[in-house]
C-alpha atoms as a PDB file:
ATOM      1  CA  UNK A   1      55.839 103.466  98.648  1.00  0.00           C
ATOM      2  CA  UNK A   2      54.883  99.982  99.900  1.00  0.00           C
ATOM      3  CA  UNK A   3      51.689 100.035  97.837  1.00  0.00           C
ATOM      4  CA  UNK A   4      53.752 100.606  94.715  1.00  0.00           C
ATOM      5  CA  UNK A   5      56.196  97.882  95.720  1.00  0.00           C
ATOM      6  CA  UNK A   6      53.243  95.538  96.271  1.00  0.00           C
ATOM      7  CA  UNK A   7      52.055  96.171  92.706  1.00  0.00           C
ATOM      8  CA  UNK A   8      55.498  95.341  91.300  1.00  0.00           C
ATOM      9  CA  UNK A   9      56.049  92.158  93.307  1.00  0.00           C
ATOM     10  CA  UNK A  10      52.461  91.004  92.646  1.00  0.00           C
ATOM     11  CA  UNK A  11      52.956  91.371  88.905  1.00  0.00           C
ATOM     12  CA  UNK A  12      56.227  89.427  89.040  1.00  0.00           C
ATOM     13  CA  UNK A  13      54.777  86.696  91.269  1.00  0.00           C
ATOM     14  CA  UNK A  14      51.697  86.236  89.112  1.00  0.00           C
ATOM     15  CA  UNK A  15      53.807  85.947  85.976  1.00  0.00           C
ATOM     16  CA  UNK A  16      55.902  83.293  87.737  1.00  0.00           C
ATOM     17  CA  UNK A  17      53.164  81.243  89.390  1.00  0.00           C
ATOM     18  CA  UNK A  18      49.721  81.914  87.866  1.00  0.00           C
ATOM     19  CA  UNK A  19      50.261  79.558  84.912  1.00  0.00           C
ATOM     20  CA  UNK A  20      50.852  76.580  87.236  1.00  0.00           C
ATOM     21  CA  UNK A  21      47.551  74.617  87.278  1.00  0.00           C
ATOM     22  CA  UNK A  22      47.739  73.873  91.022  1.00  0.00           C
ATOM     23  CA  UNK A  23      48.475  75.991  94.075  1.00  0.00           C
ATOM     24  CA  UNK A  24      52.245  76.408  94.155  1.00  0.00           C
ATOM     25  CA  UNK A  25      51.905  78.374  97.395  1.00  0.00           C
ATOM     26  CA  UNK A  26      50.361  75.348  99.136  1.00  0.00           C
ATOM     27  CA  UNK A  27      53.342  73.226  98.073  1.00  0.00           C
ATOM     28  CA  UNK A  28      55.691  75.954  99.308  1.00  0.00           C
ATOM     29  CA  UNK A  29      53.989  76.044 102.729  1.00  0.00           C
ATOM     30  CA  UNK A  30      54.005  72.253 102.960  1.00  0.00           C
ATOM     31  CA  UNK A  31      57.741  72.016 102.243  1.00  0.00           C
ATOM     32  CA  UNK A  32      58.447  74.882 104.630  1.00  0.00           C
ATOM     33  CA  UNK A  33      56.406  73.194 107.348  1.00  0.00           C
ATOM     34  CA  UNK A  34      58.275  69.892 106.890  1.00  0.00           C
ATOM     35  CA  UNK A  35      61.644  71.663 107.039  1.00  0.00           C
ATOM     36  CA  UNK A  36      60.676  73.634 110.172  1.00  0.00           C
ATOM     37  CA  UNK A  37      59.511  70.412 111.844  1.00  0.00           C
ATOM     38  CA  UNK A  38      62.842  68.800 110.923  1.00  0.00           C
ATOM     39  CA  UNK A  39      64.791  71.713 112.436  1.00  0.00           C
ATOM     40  CA  UNK A  40      62.711  71.608 115.627  1.00  0.00           C
ATOM     41  CA  UNK A  41      63.284  67.874 116.078  1.00  0.00           C
ATOM     42  CA  UNK A  42      67.016  68.004 115.326  1.00  0.00           C
ATOM     43  CA  UNK A  43      67.539  71.036 117.589  1.00  0.00           C
ATOM     44  CA  UNK A  44      67.036  68.724 120.603  1.00  0.00           C
ATOM     45  CA  UNK A  45      70.020  66.619 119.564  1.00  0.00           C
ATOM     46  CA  UNK A  46      73.401  67.655 120.959  1.00  0.00           C
ATOM     47  CA  UNK A  47      75.185  67.276 117.633  1.00  0.00           C
ATOM     48  CA  UNK A  48      72.584  69.347 115.817  1.00  0.00           C
ATOM     49  CA  UNK A  49      72.472  72.453 118.015  1.00  0.00           C
ATOM     50  CA  UNK A  50      72.925  74.684 114.978  1.00  0.00           C
ATOM     51  CA  UNK A  51      69.484  73.564 113.779  1.00  0.00           C
ATOM     52  CA  UNK A  52      67.980  75.972 116.326  1.00  0.00           C
ATOM     53  CA  UNK A  53      70.095  78.757 114.867  1.00  0.00           C
ATOM     54  CA  UNK A  54      68.895  77.865 111.353  1.00  0.00           C
ATOM     55  CA  UNK A  55      65.307  77.835 112.589  1.00  0.00           C
ATOM     56  CA  UNK A  56      65.628  81.333 114.072  1.00  0.00           C
ATOM     57  CA  UNK A  57      67.176  82.632 110.832  1.00  0.00           C
ATOM     58  CA  UNK A  58      64.403  81.021 108.755  1.00  0.00           C
ATOM     59  CA  UNK A  59      61.649  82.480 110.959  1.00  0.00           C
ATOM     60  CA  UNK A  60      63.182  85.948 110.758  1.00  0.00           C
ATOM     61  CA  UNK A  61      63.555  85.774 106.964  1.00  0.00           C
ATOM     62  CA  UNK A  62      59.970  84.543 106.613  1.00  0.00           C
ATOM     63  CA  UNK A  63      58.647  87.321 108.861  1.00  0.00           C
ATOM     64  CA  UNK A  64      60.697  89.981 107.059  1.00  0.00           C
ATOM     65  CA  UNK A  65      59.444  88.883 103.617  1.00  0.00           C
ATOM     66  CA  UNK A  66      55.887  88.692 104.904  1.00  0.00           C
ATOM     67  CA  UNK A  67      56.047  92.283 106.155  1.00  0.00           C
ATOM     68  CA  UNK A  68      57.624  93.531 102.913  1.00  0.00           C
ATOM     69  CA  UNK A  69      55.245  91.643 100.621  1.00  0.00           C
ATOM     70  CA  UNK A  70      52.084  92.115 102.658  1.00  0.00           C
ATOM     71  CA  UNK A  71      52.186  93.256 106.275  1.00  0.00           C
ATOM     72  CA  UNK A  72      52.873  96.921 105.568  1.00  0.00           C
ATOM     73  CA  UNK A  73      49.595  97.169 103.634  1.00  0.00           C
ATOM     74  CA  UNK A  74      47.713  97.035 106.936  1.00  0.00           C
ATOM     75  CA  UNK A  75      48.884 100.593 107.517  1.00  0.00           C
ATOM     76  CA  UNK A  76      47.461 102.089 104.322  1.00  0.00           C
ATOM     77  CA  UNK A  77      44.625 104.607 104.501  1.00  0.00           C
ATOM     78  CA  UNK A  78      41.407 102.878 105.649  1.00  0.00           C
ATOM     79  CA  UNK A  79      38.510 102.812 103.181  1.00  0.00           C
ATOM     80  CA  UNK A  80      36.174 104.271 105.790  1.00  0.00           C
ATOM     81  CA  UNK A  81      38.040 107.588 105.578  1.00  0.00           C
ATOM     82  CA  UNK A  82      37.056 107.782 101.892  1.00  0.00           C
ATOM     83  CA  UNK A  83      33.329 107.487 102.594  1.00  0.00           C
ATOM     84  CA  UNK A  84      30.918 110.118 103.991  1.00  0.00           C
ATOM     85  CA  UNK A  85      30.184 109.956 107.701  1.00  0.00           C
ATOM     86  CA  UNK A  86      26.814 108.429 108.549  1.00  0.00           C
ATOM     87  CA  UNK A  87      25.140 107.477 111.794  1.00  0.00           C
ATOM     88  CA  UNK A  88      24.969 103.697 112.065  1.00  0.00           C
ATOM     89  CA  UNK A  89      21.558 102.896 113.541  1.00  0.00           C
ATOM     90  CA  UNK A  90      19.567  99.726 114.042  1.00  0.00           C
ATOM     91  CA  UNK A  91      16.837 101.068 111.757  1.00  0.00           C
ATOM     92  CA  UNK A  92      19.276 101.597 108.892  1.00  0.00           C
ATOM     93  CA  UNK A  93      20.583  98.056 109.316  1.00  0.00           C
ATOM     94  CA  UNK A  94      17.043  96.694 109.273  1.00  0.00           C
ATOM     95  CA  UNK A  95      16.197  98.730 106.185  1.00  0.00           C
ATOM     96  CA  UNK A  96      19.209  97.338 104.340  1.00  0.00           C
ATOM     97  CA  UNK A  97      18.467  93.805 105.525  1.00  0.00           C
ATOM     98  CA  UNK A  98      14.992  93.967 103.997  1.00  0.00           C
ATOM     99  CA  UNK A  99      16.442  95.459 100.809  1.00  0.00           C
ATOM    100  CA  UNK A 100      18.965  92.633 100.433  1.00  0.00           C
ATOM    101  CA  UNK A 101      16.374  90.020 101.308  1.00  0.00           C
ATOM    102  CA  UNK A 102      14.393  91.087  98.234  1.00  0.00           C
ATOM    103  CA  UNK A 103      17.542  91.234  96.101  1.00  0.00           C
ATOM    104  CA  UNK A 104      18.497  87.713  97.181  1.00  0.00           C
ATOM    105  CA  UNK A 105      15.035  86.372  96.399  1.00  0.00           C
ATOM    106  CA  UNK A 106      15.127  87.794  92.894  1.00  0.00           C
ATOM    107  CA  UNK A 107      18.652  86.634  92.056  1.00  0.00           C
ATOM    108  CA  UNK A 108      18.211  83.224  93.692  1.00  0.00           C
ATOM    109  CA  UNK A 109      15.317  82.527  91.321  1.00  0.00           C
ATOM    110  CA  UNK A 110      17.634  82.526  88.264  1.00  0.00           C
ATOM    111  CA  UNK A 111      20.645  80.491  89.464  1.00  0.00           C
ATOM    112  CA  UNK A 112      21.272  76.798  88.846  1.00  0.00           C
ATOM    113  CA  UNK A 113      20.253  74.146  91.391  1.00  0.00           C
ATOM    114  CA  UNK A 114      21.402  70.583  91.993  1.00  0.00           C
ATOM    115  CA  UNK A 115      19.000  67.649  92.209  1.00  0.00           C
ATOM    116  CA  UNK A 116      18.250  68.550  95.841  1.00  0.00           C
ATOM    117  CA  UNK A 117      17.249  72.102  94.952  1.00  0.00           C
ATOM    118  CA  UNK A 118      20.426  73.633  96.442  1.00  0.00           C
ATOM    119  CA  UNK A 119      22.289  76.393  94.602  1.00  0.00           C
ATOM    120  CA  UNK A 120      25.053  74.918  92.440  1.00  0.00           C
ATOM    121  CA  UNK A 121      27.733  76.790  90.513  1.00  0.00           C
ATOM    122  CA  UNK A 122      27.445  76.032  86.808  1.00  0.00           C
ATOM    123  CA  UNK A 123      30.818  77.416  85.632  1.00  0.00           C
ATOM    124  CA  UNK A 124      33.483  78.492  88.129  1.00  0.00           C
ATOM    125  CA  UNK A 125      35.745  79.855  85.392  1.00  0.00           C
ATOM    126  CA  UNK A 126      33.081  82.331  84.257  1.00  0.00           C
ATOM    127  CA  UNK A 127      32.885  83.616  87.820  1.00  0.00           C
ATOM    128  CA  UNK A 128      36.664  84.083  87.991  1.00  0.00           C
ATOM    129  CA  UNK A 129      36.660  85.966  84.675  1.00  0.00           C
ATOM    130  CA  UNK A 130      33.778  88.153  85.851  1.00  0.00           C
ATOM    131  CA  UNK A 131      35.605  88.999  89.084  1.00  0.00           C
ATOM    132  CA  UNK A 132      38.669  90.198  87.159  1.00  0.00           C
ATOM    133  CA  UNK A 133      36.382  92.287  84.948  1.00  0.00           C
ATOM    134  CA  UNK A 134      34.552  93.826  87.903  1.00  0.00           C
ATOM    135  CA  UNK A 135      37.853  94.774  89.548  1.00  0.00           C
ATOM    136  CA  UNK A 136      38.343  97.330  86.777  1.00  0.00           C
ATOM    137  CA  UNK A 137      34.961  98.945  87.547  1.00  0.00           C
ATOM    138  CA  UNK A 138      35.447  99.750  91.231  1.00  0.00           C
ATOM    139  CA  UNK A 139      34.620 103.373  92.160  1.00  0.00           C
ATOM    140  CA  UNK A 140      37.744 105.483  91.692  1.00  0.00           C
ATOM    141  CA  UNK A 141      37.210 107.326  94.983  1.00  0.00           C
ATOM    142  CA  UNK A 142      37.473 104.003  96.807  1.00  0.00           C
ATOM    143  CA  UNK A 143      40.180 102.212  94.842  1.00  0.00           C
ATOM    144  CA  UNK A 144      42.952 103.480  92.593  1.00  0.00           C
ATOM    145  CA  UNK A 145      44.697 100.096  92.669  1.00  0.00           C
ATOM    146  CA  UNK A 146      45.770  98.377  89.488  1.00  0.00           C
ATOM    147  CA  UNK A 147      43.474  95.513  88.517  1.00  0.00           C
ATOM    148  CA  UNK A 148      45.108  92.489  86.963  1.00  0.00           C
ATOM    149  CA  UNK A 149      43.979  90.471  83.969  1.00  0.00           C
ATOM    150  CA  UNK A 150      45.871  87.445  85.240  1.00  0.00           C
ATOM    151  CA  UNK A 151      43.734  84.686  86.719  1.00  0.00           C
ATOM    152  CA  UNK A 152      45.523  83.386  89.814  1.00  0.00           C
ATOM    153  CA  UNK A 153      42.473  82.161  91.749  1.00  0.00           C
ATOM    154  CA  UNK A 154      43.078  78.508  92.600  1.00  0.00           C
ATOM    155  CA  UNK A 155      41.472  75.718  94.638  1.00  0.00           C
ATOM    156  CA  UNK A 156      43.600  74.883  97.654  1.00  0.00           C
ATOM    157  CA  UNK A 157      45.327  71.511  97.899  1.00  0.00           C
ATOM    158  CA  UNK A 158      44.386  71.525 101.588  1.00  0.00           C
ATOM    159  CA  UNK A 159      40.626  71.710 101.000  1.00  0.00           C
ATOM    160  CA  UNK A 160      39.864  68.770 103.287  1.00  0.00           C
ATOM    161  CA  UNK A 161      41.711  70.363 106.195  1.00  0.00           C
ATOM    162  CA  UNK A 162      40.259  73.804 105.437  1.00  0.00           C
ATOM    163  CA  UNK A 163      36.734  72.422 105.768  1.00  0.00           C
ATOM    164  CA  UNK A 164      37.504  71.536 109.402  1.00  0.00           C
ATOM    165  CA  UNK A 165      39.155  74.869 110.204  1.00  0.00           C
ATOM    166  CA  UNK A 166      36.465  77.295 109.096  1.00  0.00           C
ATOM    167  CA  UNK A 167      38.901  78.846 106.613  1.00  0.00           C
ATOM    168  CA  UNK A 168      37.084  79.648 103.365  1.00  0.00           C
ATOM    169  CA  UNK A 169      40.142  80.863 101.468  1.00  0.00           C
ATOM    170  CA  UNK A 170      43.415  82.681 101.882  1.00  0.00           C
ATOM    171  CA  UNK A 171      45.834  84.899  99.996  1.00  0.00           C
ATOM    172  CA  UNK A 172      49.469  83.807  99.675  1.00  0.00           C
ATOM    173  CA  UNK A 173      51.690  86.929  99.626  1.00  0.00           C
ATOM    174  CA  UNK A 174      54.719  84.880  98.560  1.00  0.00           C
ATOM    175  CA  UNK A 175      53.153  83.716  95.270  1.00  0.00           C
ATOM    176  CA  UNK A 176      50.253  86.213  94.883  1.00  0.00           C
ATOM    177  CA  UNK A 177      47.865  83.275  94.499  1.00  0.00           C
ATOM    178  CA  UNK A 178      44.375  83.390  95.998  1.00  0.00           C
ATOM    179  CA  UNK A 179      43.323  80.005  97.335  1.00  0.00           C
ATOM    180  CA  UNK A 180      39.765  78.908  98.071  1.00  0.00           C
ATOM    181  CA  UNK A 181      38.162  75.765  99.446  1.00  0.00           C
ATOM    182  CA  UNK A 182      36.298  74.048  96.555  1.00  0.00           C
ATOM    183  CA  UNK A 183      34.437  71.805  99.026  1.00  0.00           C
ATOM    184  CA  UNK A 184      32.427  74.748 100.362  1.00  0.00           C
ATOM    185  CA  UNK A 185      28.720  75.081  99.605  1.00  0.00           C
ATOM    186  CA  UNK A 186      28.274  76.940  96.314  1.00  0.00           C
ATOM    187  CA  UNK A 187      26.634  79.858  98.126  1.00  0.00           C
ATOM    188  CA  UNK A 188      30.006  80.625  99.746  1.00  0.00           C
ATOM    189  CA  UNK A 189      32.413  80.158  96.847  1.00  0.00           C
ATOM    190  CA  UNK A 190      31.773  83.112  94.466  1.00  0.00           C
ATOM    191  CA  UNK A 191      31.954  85.686  97.260  1.00  0.00           C
ATOM    192  CA  UNK A 192      35.004  83.953  98.746  1.00  0.00           C
ATOM    193  CA  UNK A 193      36.700  84.297  95.349  1.00  0.00           C
ATOM    194  CA  UNK A 194      35.751  87.992  95.212  1.00  0.00           C
ATOM    195  CA  UNK A 195      37.056  88.471  98.760  1.00  0.00           C
ATOM    196  CA  UNK A 196      40.407  86.795  98.035  1.00  0.00           C
ATOM    197  CA  UNK A 197      40.730  88.714  94.761  1.00  0.00           C
ATOM    198  CA  UNK A 198      40.397  91.883  96.861  1.00  0.00           C
ATOM    199  CA  UNK A 199      43.487  90.801  98.772  1.00  0.00           C
ATOM    200  CA  UNK A 200      45.216  90.332  95.416  1.00  0.00           C
ATOM    201  CA  UNK A 201      44.325  93.945  94.633  1.00  0.00           C
ATOM    202  CA  UNK A 202      46.103  95.015  97.818  1.00  0.00           C
ATOM    203  CA  UNK A 203      43.338  95.371 100.409  1.00  0.00           C
ATOM    204  CA  UNK A 204      44.830  93.699 103.462  1.00  0.00           C
ATOM    205  CA  UNK A 205      42.188  94.228 106.146  1.00  0.00           C
ATOM    206  CA  UNK A 206      39.655  91.398 106.191  1.00  0.00           C
ATOM    207  CA  UNK A 207      36.509  93.507 106.456  1.00  0.00           C
ATOM    208  CA  UNK A 208      37.760  95.886 103.745  1.00  0.00           C
ATOM    209  CA  UNK A 209      38.333  92.854 101.506  1.00  0.00           C
ATOM    210  CA  UNK A 210      34.730  91.889 102.295  1.00  0.00           C
ATOM    211  CA  UNK A 211      33.584  95.349 101.235  1.00  0.00           C
ATOM    212  CA  UNK A 212      35.579  95.274  97.979  1.00  0.00           C
ATOM    213  CA  UNK A 213      34.248  91.751  97.371  1.00  0.00           C
ATOM    214  CA  UNK A 214      30.779  93.157  97.905  1.00  0.00           C
ATOM    215  CA  UNK A 215      31.407  95.919  95.331  1.00  0.00           C
ATOM    216  CA  UNK A 216      32.772  93.363  92.870  1.00  0.00           C
ATOM    217  CA  UNK A 217      29.757  91.062  93.235  1.00  0.00           C
ATOM    218  CA  UNK A 218      26.847  93.386  93.742  1.00  0.00           C
ATOM    219  CA  UNK A 219      27.016  95.011  90.286  1.00  0.00           C
ATOM    220  CA  UNK A 220      27.905  91.814  88.455  1.00  0.00           C
ATOM    221  CA  UNK A 221      25.904  90.529  85.517  1.00  0.00           C
ATOM    222  CA  UNK A 222      26.802  86.986  86.591  1.00  0.00           C
ATOM    223  CA  UNK A 223      23.837  85.827  88.723  1.00  0.00           C
ATOM    224  CA  UNK A 224      25.898  83.296  90.679  1.00  0.00           C
ATOM    225  CA  UNK A 225      28.447  85.887  91.790  1.00  0.00           C
ATOM    226  CA  UNK A 226      25.705  88.432  92.402  1.00  0.00           C
ATOM    227  CA  UNK A 227      23.618  86.064  94.533  1.00  0.00           C
ATOM    228  CA  UNK A 228      26.604  84.975  96.633  1.00  0.00           C
ATOM    229  CA  UNK A 229      27.535  88.625  97.306  1.00  0.00           C
ATOM    230  CA  UNK A 230      23.949  89.606  98.134  1.00  0.00           C
ATOM    231  CA  UNK A 231      23.512  86.587 100.377  1.00  0.00           C
ATOM    232  CA  UNK A 232      26.756  87.332 102.240  1.00  0.00           C
ATOM    233  CA  UNK A 233      25.624  90.935 102.719  1.00  0.00           C
ATOM    234  CA  UNK A 234      22.234  89.846 104.039  1.00  0.00           C
ATOM    235  CA  UNK A 235      23.776  87.350 106.477  1.00  0.00           C
ATOM    236  CA  UNK A 236      26.266  89.978 107.694  1.00  0.00           C
ATOM    237  CA  UNK A 237      23.450  92.443 108.337  1.00  0.00           C
ATOM    238  CA  UNK A 238      21.407  89.845 110.213  1.00  0.00           C
ATOM    239  CA  UNK A 239      24.450  88.874 112.305  1.00  0.00           C
ATOM    240  CA  UNK A 240      24.867  92.528 113.275  1.00  0.00           C
ATOM    241  CA  UNK A 241      21.183  92.870 114.190  1.00  0.00           C
ATOM    242  CA  UNK A 242      20.510  89.608 116.043  1.00  0.00           C
ATOM    243  CA  UNK A 243      21.777  90.763 119.466  1.00  0.00           C
ATOM    244  CA  UNK A 244      19.625  93.892 119.286  1.00  0.00           C
ATOM    245  CA  UNK A 245      16.449  92.446 117.768  1.00  0.00           C
ATOM    246  CA  UNK A 246      16.395  88.658 117.549  1.00  0.00           C
ATOM    247  CA  UNK A 247      12.715  88.592 116.565  1.00  0.00           C
ATOM    248  CA  UNK A 248      13.370  90.728 113.478  1.00  0.00           C
ATOM    249  CA  UNK A 249      16.095  88.325 112.349  1.00  0.00           C
ATOM    250  CA  UNK A 250      13.804  85.330 112.862  1.00  0.00           C
ATOM    251  CA  UNK A 251      11.107  87.019 110.776  1.00  0.00           C
ATOM    252  CA  UNK A 252      13.544  87.794 107.938  1.00  0.00           C
ATOM    253  CA  UNK A 253      14.832  84.204 107.890  1.00  0.00           C
ATOM    254  CA  UNK A 254      11.282  82.867 107.826  1.00  0.00           C
ATOM    255  CA  UNK A 255      10.684  85.090 104.782  1.00  0.00           C
ATOM    256  CA  UNK A 256      13.575  83.550 102.833  1.00  0.00           C
ATOM    257  CA  UNK A 257      12.530  82.056  99.513  1.00  0.00           C
ATOM    258  CA  UNK A 258      12.315  78.256  99.420  1.00  0.00           C
ATOM    259  CA  UNK A 259      15.595  78.141  97.487  1.00  0.00           C
ATOM    260  CA  UNK A 260      17.346  80.358 100.038  1.00  0.00           C
ATOM    261  CA  UNK A 261      16.047  78.148 102.851  1.00  0.00           C
ATOM    262  CA  UNK A 262      17.512  75.085 101.145  1.00  0.00           C
ATOM    263  CA  UNK A 263      20.851  76.883 100.722  1.00  0.00           C
ATOM    264  CA  UNK A 264      20.844  77.899 104.396  1.00  0.00           C
ATOM    265  CA  UNK A 265      20.011  74.354 105.497  1.00  0.00           C
ATOM    266  CA  UNK A 266      22.878  72.979 103.404  1.00  0.00           C
ATOM    267  CA  UNK A 267      25.297  75.542 104.868  1.00  0.00           C
ATOM    268  CA  UNK A 268      24.265  74.520 108.399  1.00  0.00           C
ATOM    269  CA  UNK A 269      24.620  70.849 107.483  1.00  0.00           C
ATOM    270  CA  UNK A 270      28.123  71.479 106.088  1.00  0.00           C
ATOM    271  CA  UNK A 271      29.159  73.425 109.213  1.00  0.00           C
ATOM    272  CA  UNK A 272      27.804  70.754 111.578  1.00  0.00           C
ATOM    273  CA  UNK A 273      29.615  68.015 109.663  1.00  0.00           C
ATOM    274  CA  UNK A 274      32.957  69.833 109.956  1.00  0.00           C
ATOM    275  CA  UNK A 275      32.793  71.087 113.548  1.00  0.00           C
ATOM    276  CA  UNK A 276      35.621  70.024 115.836  1.00  0.00           C
ATOM    277  CA  UNK A 277      38.846  70.932 117.575  1.00  0.00           C
ATOM    278  CA  UNK A 278      40.523  72.265 114.434  1.00  0.00           C
ATOM    279  CA  UNK A 279      37.635  74.649 113.792  1.00  0.00           C
ATOM    280  CA  UNK A 280      37.837  76.090 117.322  1.00  0.00           C
ATOM    281  CA  UNK A 281      41.649  76.245 117.252  1.00  0.00           C
ATOM    282  CA  UNK A 282      41.882  78.062 113.922  1.00  0.00           C
ATOM    283  CA  UNK A 283      39.077  80.435 114.891  1.00  0.00           C
ATOM    284  CA  UNK A 284      41.036  81.365 118.020  1.00  0.00           C
ATOM    285  CA  UNK A 285      44.391  81.767 116.247  1.00  0.00           C
ATOM    286  CA  UNK A 286      42.834  83.711 113.363  1.00  0.00           C
ATOM    287  CA  UNK A 287      41.232  86.036 115.896  1.00  0.00           C
ATOM    288  CA  UNK A 288      44.645  86.708 117.443  1.00  0.00           C
ATOM    289  CA  UNK A 289      46.197  87.280 114.007  1.00  0.00           C
ATOM    290  CA  UNK A 290      43.554  89.799 112.974  1.00  0.00           C
ATOM    291  CA  UNK A 291      43.840  91.745 116.207  1.00  0.00           C
ATOM    292  CA  UNK A 292      47.643  91.784 115.964  1.00  0.00           C
ATOM    293  CA  UNK A 293      47.244  93.500 112.573  1.00  0.00           C
ATOM    294  CA  UNK A 294      44.995  96.313 113.801  1.00  0.00           C
ATOM    295  CA  UNK A 295      41.808  94.515 112.776  1.00  0.00           C
ATOM    296  CA  UNK A 296      38.657  93.385 114.490  1.00  0.00           C
ATOM    297  CA  UNK A 297      38.184  89.780 115.464  1.00  0.00           C
ATOM    298  CA  UNK A 298      37.135  87.220 112.888  1.00  0.00           C
ATOM    299  CA  UNK A 299      33.516  87.059 114.063  1.00  0.00           C
ATOM    300  CA  UNK A 300      32.998  90.827 114.090  1.00  0.00           C
ATOM    301  CA  UNK A 301      31.020  92.320 111.210  1.00  0.00           C
ATOM    302  CA  UNK A 302      30.698  95.913 112.443  1.00  0.00           C
ATOM    303  CA  UNK A 303      33.412  97.449 110.236  1.00  0.00           C
ATOM    304  CA  UNK A 304      31.972  95.871 107.081  1.00  0.00           C
ATOM    305  CA  UNK A 305      28.500  97.039 108.118  1.00  0.00           C
ATOM    306  CA  UNK A 306      29.814 100.571 108.742  1.00  0.00           C
ATOM    307  CA  UNK A 307      31.348 100.629 105.261  1.00  0.00           C
ATOM    308  CA  UNK A 308      28.174  99.212 103.723  1.00  0.00           C
ATOM    309  CA  UNK A 309      25.868 101.786 105.324  1.00  0.00           C
ATOM    310  CA  UNK A 310      28.161 104.694 104.515  1.00  0.00           C
ATOM    311  CA  UNK A 311      28.275 103.535 100.882  1.00  0.00           C
ATOM    312  CA  UNK A 312      24.589 102.629 100.509  1.00  0.00           C
ATOM    313  CA  UNK A 313      22.934 105.592 102.214  1.00  0.00           C
END
């Protein structure tokens, strides 16, 4: 029932907000934040005691709408129940890591570079169009959700702040917009768009959105989207292997193509430049949010890897 309701409200929201050239959801959150701050401040004044009452009403309305528009989707049937059972072994993860290393090398050789030899997106709009097209080609046994032809993938107005929080993108359930950080290295952006578009489809769990993003990107004819998806998959596999066989991971990284090594160096440079209190704070709060919604923590890749191996083997 809630999945059907989600489809209806998403269609209405996208008709209302997708045509706006900027992120209306960001403006909505900004105004809401200012109003909440005003109510908090005035609630300490004797003559404004009813501000606290207004604040409690606002929080309850916000939480209720969030659950109706989005929260209930966390309880839909997990994707893993739609895939055959497979034993998840270190050897299988290594086998896939080597497979995606070769895929990345091949795709990386045909993408555009900037003057420093780092991967650079040539046309973001082509990637967005390709993502919408690939949504219609998802395996029917995994997704029966209705793909949209409406492009509501938008750069966030808070990109500067997002760079210091570790947030790559987010889905706004109140406007059905998918926001992304345009300041990210190009290697991140196409897969981030595919991931957030998976939320637009109605996949609430983060690692399931990663898996749908993987399906969207891996079969794409757009090399930029394909490379970003393959590179994300490779990095996820290596992250899941490193605590069991660090030497294997080091060997795979040393075997990166020269272009991949430049992309990795730029990603590390970007991360180092934007480390700080906000990054640690948002990582902690996001971890709590994910766990409160029956999900693994933000730094855990095991569920995505389980889905990947069950699908690939």
